[in-house]
Amino acid sequence: MQLLSRLKKQKHKLNINLNDFQAVIFDVDGTLYNLKRMYGIVTLEIVKYYLKHPQEVKDIKIITTFMEEREKHACDIVEDVENAQYEWTAKALKTSTEKVRTVAQKWIFDIPLKHLYDCRYPEILELFAKITNQGIATGIFSDYPAQAKIAKLGLFPDCIVSSTDKNIGRLKPDPKGLLITAEILGVPVKQCLFIGDRDDRDGECARKAGMPYLILGKSKTIVC
């Protein structure tokens, strides 16, 4: 289902009126583009690559462990998430952080960018245009670095914040990044709407921040 139609469905069900908000903050992965489709495309590229380079096949374990460790440590309080995410994987696999960083950069950050536009929810530009035309500010808050992804999608939000930013250093569901996004936008928390796709991360993050939110693609969405 397209993103805008999903949003309209949730709006109708919950009587959400965008005009009630001064800002709309978006999650990225799974919200602005089809994450499952992206996983399928990148997985196919991984299989093709390592069939041709079997001597490097252990890299696949680095890729999967990197994502698993990020999930496992989501609620950890650390001072430097940007570096810690590589250290978690390096420790788990008894390899170097440099090796983890190199493999993750290629398969988790660089390769997906080539396919991002094709995986977008097609009406996202319409949604952003509608919000902007109504004089509502737009922000991005993602657990992963988002600048390159947003550029690929051709979007122009008023601010982009990532959990790995030096002034954030907290993964969702910690609300620090969401609160700072609202602060940068200059909008009170209660006047922001956070849109995401995971209740355990985006929804919980919004609840902790005291911010209204929508979880797309769920049969039931709770709004603070």
Protein backbone atom coordinates (compact mmCIF):
# COMPACT_ATOMS: atom_id res chain seq x y z
CA MET A 1 0.00 0.00 0.00
CA GLN A 2 1.35 3.45 -0.88
CA LEU A 3 2.60 5.66 1.93
CA LEU A 4 0.12 8.48 1.38
CA SER A 5 -2.84 6.11 1.16
CA ARG A 6 -1.64 4.40 4.35
CA LEU A 7 -1.45 7.78 6.03
CA LYS A 8 -4.92 8.76 4.79
CA LYS A 9 -6.31 5.47 6.09
CA GLN A 10 -4.79 6.07 9.52
CA LYS A 11 -5.89 9.70 9.50
CA HIS A 12 -9.49 8.78 8.76
CA LYS A 13 -9.53 6.08 11.40
CA LEU A 14 -8.02 8.26 14.10
CA ASN A 15 -9.40 11.63 13.00
CA ILE A 16 -5.88 13.00 12.61
CA ASN A 17 -5.79 16.46 11.04
CA LEU A 18 -2.37 17.61 9.87
CA ASN A 19 -3.50 21.19 10.42
CA ASP A 20 -3.45 20.44 14.15
CA PHE A 21 0.35 20.28 14.01
CA GLN A 22 3.13 22.78 13.38
CA ALA A 23 5.64 20.08 12.35
CA VAL A 24 5.69 16.53 11.03
CA ILE A 25 8.79 14.44 11.77
CA PHE A 26 9.46 11.31 9.72
CA ASP A 27 11.39 8.15 10.41
CA VAL A 28 13.20 6.94 7.27
CA ASP A 29 13.78 3.19 6.95
CA GLY A 30 10.46 1.44 6.39
CA THR A 31 8.58 4.73 6.49
CA LEU A 32 9.78 6.68 3.47
CA TYR A 33 10.69 3.60 1.45
CA ASN A 34 9.87 -0.09 1.28
CA LEU A 35 12.45 -1.71 3.54
CA LYS A 36 11.44 -5.29 2.72
CA ARG A 37 11.89 -4.63 -0.98
CA MET A 38 15.27 -3.07 -0.29
CA TYR A 39 16.34 -6.10 1.76
CA GLY A 40 15.40 -8.37 -1.14
CA ILE A 41 17.36 -6.35 -3.69
CA VAL A 42 20.48 -6.01 -1.55
CA THR A 43 20.36 -9.67 -0.51
CA LEU A 44 20.40 -10.65 -4.17
CA GLU A 45 23.42 -8.41 -4.76
CA ILE A 46 25.17 -9.96 -1.76
CA VAL A 47 24.57 -13.49 -3.03
CA LYS A 48 25.84 -12.63 -6.52
CA TYR A 49 28.92 -10.87 -5.18
CA TYR A 50 30.01 -13.59 -2.78
CA LEU A 51 29.42 -16.36 -5.29
CA LYS A 52 32.10 -14.61 -7.33
CA HIS A 53 34.25 -13.85 -4.27
CA PRO A 54 33.90 -16.92 -2.01
CA GLN A 55 37.11 -16.04 -0.19
CA GLU A 56 35.25 -13.06 1.33
CA VAL A 57 32.08 -14.91 2.28
CA LYS A 58 32.68 -14.35 6.01
CA ASP A 59 31.70 -10.74 5.37
CA ILE A 60 28.06 -11.86 5.29
CA LYS A 61 28.28 -12.68 9.00
CA ILE A 62 29.53 -9.16 9.63
CA ILE A 63 26.55 -7.69 7.79
CA THR A 64 23.95 -9.72 9.69
CA THR A 65 25.69 -9.33 13.05
CA PHE A 66 25.98 -5.57 12.61
CA MET A 67 22.21 -5.25 12.28
CA GLU A 68 21.57 -7.74 15.09
CA GLU A 69 23.91 -5.95 17.49
CA ARG A 70 22.25 -2.61 16.79
CA GLU A 71 18.90 -4.15 17.70
CA LYS A 72 20.35 -5.84 20.77
CA HIS A 73 21.93 -2.64 22.09
CA ALA A 74 19.08 -0.28 21.19
CA CYS A 75 18.33 0.46 24.85
CA ASP A 76 21.96 0.78 25.93
CA ILE A 77 23.17 4.16 27.13
CA VAL A 78 26.46 4.86 25.35
CA GLU A 79 28.29 8.09 24.69
CA ASP A 80 29.27 7.40 21.09
CA VAL A 81 26.80 5.32 19.09
CA GLU A 82 28.60 6.03 15.83
CA ASN A 83 31.71 4.13 16.95
CA ALA A 84 30.01 1.78 19.41
CA GLN A 85 27.95 0.11 16.66
CA TYR A 86 31.15 -1.12 15.00
CA GLU A 87 32.74 -2.10 18.31
CA TRP A 88 29.71 -4.24 19.25
CA THR A 89 30.06 -6.27 16.07
CA ALA A 90 33.84 -6.48 16.24
CA LYS A 91 33.62 -7.84 19.78
CA ALA A 92 30.91 -10.35 18.89
CA LEU A 93 32.89 -11.70 15.92
CA LYS A 94 36.39 -11.19 17.32
CA THR A 95 37.45 -9.06 14.38
CA SER A 96 38.64 -5.48 13.96
CA THR A 97 36.38 -2.44 14.04
CA GLU A 98 38.03 -1.30 10.80
CA LYS A 99 36.90 -4.49 9.05
CA VAL A 100 33.36 -4.10 10.36
CA ARG A 101 33.27 -0.46 9.33
CA THR A 102 34.44 -1.27 5.79
CA VAL A 103 31.91 -4.05 5.23
CA ALA A 104 29.02 -2.13 6.82
CA GLN A 105 29.81 0.98 4.81
CA LYS A 106 29.60 -0.98 1.57
CA TRP A 107 26.55 -3.17 2.15
CA ILE A 108 24.47 -1.26 4.67
CA PHE A 109 25.13 2.33 3.65
CA ASP A 110 26.48 2.57 0.08
CA ILE A 111 24.87 -0.24 -1.96
CA PRO A 112 21.30 0.42 -0.76
CA LEU A 113 21.56 4.04 -1.91
CA LYS A 114 21.67 2.86 -5.53
CA HIS A 115 18.21 1.33 -5.14
CA LEU A 116 16.61 3.73 -2.70
CA TYR A 117 14.63 5.81 -5.20
CA ASP A 118 13.15 2.68 -6.78
CA CYS A 119 12.05 1.46 -3.35
CA ARG A 120 10.39 4.72 -2.31
CA TYR A 121 6.72 4.90 -1.50
CA PRO A 122 5.64 6.67 -4.71
CA GLU A 123 3.43 9.33 -3.15
CA ILE A 124 6.03 10.54 -0.64
CA LEU A 125 6.81 13.64 -2.69
CA GLU A 126 3.11 14.49 -2.79
CA LEU A 127 2.88 14.05 0.96
CA PHE A 128 5.88 16.28 1.63
CA ALA A 129 4.58 18.89 -0.83
CA LYS A 130 1.17 18.86 0.84
CA ILE A 131 2.67 19.34 4.29
CA THR A 132 5.02 22.09 3.10
CA ASN A 133 2.26 23.89 1.20
CA GLN A 134 0.20 23.94 4.37
CA GLY A 135 3.03 25.77 6.13
CA ILE A 136 3.90 22.78 8.31
CA ALA A 137 7.58 22.22 9.05
CA THR A 138 9.13 18.85 8.19
CA GLY A 139 11.88 17.01 10.02
CA ILE A 140 13.69 13.69 9.78
CA PHE A 141 14.74 11.54 12.72
CA SER A 142 16.40 8.22 11.88
CA ASP A 143 18.51 5.70 13.73
CA TYR A 144 20.85 5.60 10.72
CA PRO A 145 22.60 8.51 8.96
CA ALA A 146 19.91 9.96 6.72
CA GLN A 147 21.33 12.86 4.71
CA ALA A 148 22.30 10.78 1.67
CA LYS A 149 19.01 8.86 1.72
CA ILE A 150 16.93 12.01 1.88
CA ALA A 151 18.90 13.51 -1.01
CA LYS A 152 18.30 10.37 -3.08
CA LEU A 153 14.59 10.61 -2.40
CA GLY A 154 14.60 14.24 -3.53
CA LEU A 155 13.15 15.53 -0.27
CA PHE A 156 13.94 18.84 1.41
CA PRO A 157 13.01 18.68 5.09
CA ASP A 158 13.75 21.56 7.43
CA CYS A 159 16.14 19.43 9.46
CA ILE A 160 17.69 15.96 9.47
CA VAL A 161 18.72 14.29 12.73
CA SER A 162 20.26 10.84 13.18
CA SER A 163 20.88 8.80 16.31
CA THR A 164 24.56 8.58 15.37
CA ASP A 165 24.99 12.38 15.39
CA LYS A 166 27.54 13.45 17.99
CA ASN A 167 24.98 15.56 19.87
CA ILE A 168 22.51 12.63 20.02
CA GLY A 169 24.33 9.35 20.67
CA ARG A 170 21.16 7.44 21.55
CA LEU A 171 19.25 4.85 19.52
CA LYS A 172 15.46 4.65 19.50
CA PRO A 173 13.42 4.18 21.62
CA ASP A 174 15.46 6.74 23.61
CA PRO A 175 13.62 10.03 22.96
CA LYS A 176 16.68 12.31 22.97
CA GLY A 177 16.97 12.55 19.18
CA LEU A 178 13.24 13.16 18.70
CA LEU A 179 13.24 15.90 21.33
CA ILE A 180 16.25 17.56 19.74
CA THR A 181 14.57 17.39 16.32
CA ALA A 182 11.58 19.28 17.71
CA GLU A 183 13.95 21.75 19.36
CA ILE A 184 15.77 22.40 16.08
CA LEU A 185 12.44 22.94 14.34
CA GLY A 186 11.48 25.35 17.11
CA VAL A 187 8.15 23.60 17.64
CA PRO A 188 6.68 22.43 20.97
CA VAL A 189 6.69 18.64 21.34
CA LYS A 190 2.90 18.43 21.51
CA GLN A 191 2.65 20.35 18.24
CA CYS A 192 4.82 17.79 16.38
CA LEU A 193 3.56 14.58 14.76
CA PHE A 194 6.06 11.73 14.47
CA ILE A 195 5.44 9.21 11.68
CA GLY A 196 7.20 5.84 11.78
CA ASP A 197 6.73 2.17 11.00
CA ARG A 198 7.75 0.35 14.21
CA ASP A 199 5.80 0.67 17.42
CA ASP A 200 8.61 -0.84 19.50
CA ARG A 201 11.06 1.80 18.25
CA ASP A 202 9.22 4.79 16.75
CA GLY A 203 6.07 4.47 18.82
CA GLU A 204 7.91 3.94 22.10
CA CYS A 205 10.28 6.78 21.26
CA ALA A 206 7.34 9.13 20.74
CA ARG A 207 5.60 7.95 23.91
CA LYS A 208 8.74 8.65 25.94
CA ALA A 209 9.02 12.08 24.34
CA GLY A 210 5.33 12.83 24.92
CA MET A 211 4.85 13.45 21.19
CA PRO A 212 1.78 12.53 19.08
CA TYR A 213 2.60 9.84 16.54
CA LEU A 214 1.38 7.50 13.82
CA ILE A 215 2.69 4.01 13.11
CA LEU A 216 2.11 3.17 9.45
CA GLY A 217 1.04 -0.25 8.31
CA LYS A 218 -0.34 -1.32 11.69
CA SER A 219 -3.91 -2.41 12.31
CA LYS A 220 -4.04 -0.23 15.40
CA THR A 221 -2.19 3.01 16.12
CA ILE A 222 -2.14 4.82 19.44
CA VAL A 223 -1.87 8.61 19.48
CA CYS A 224 -0.71 10.36 22.65
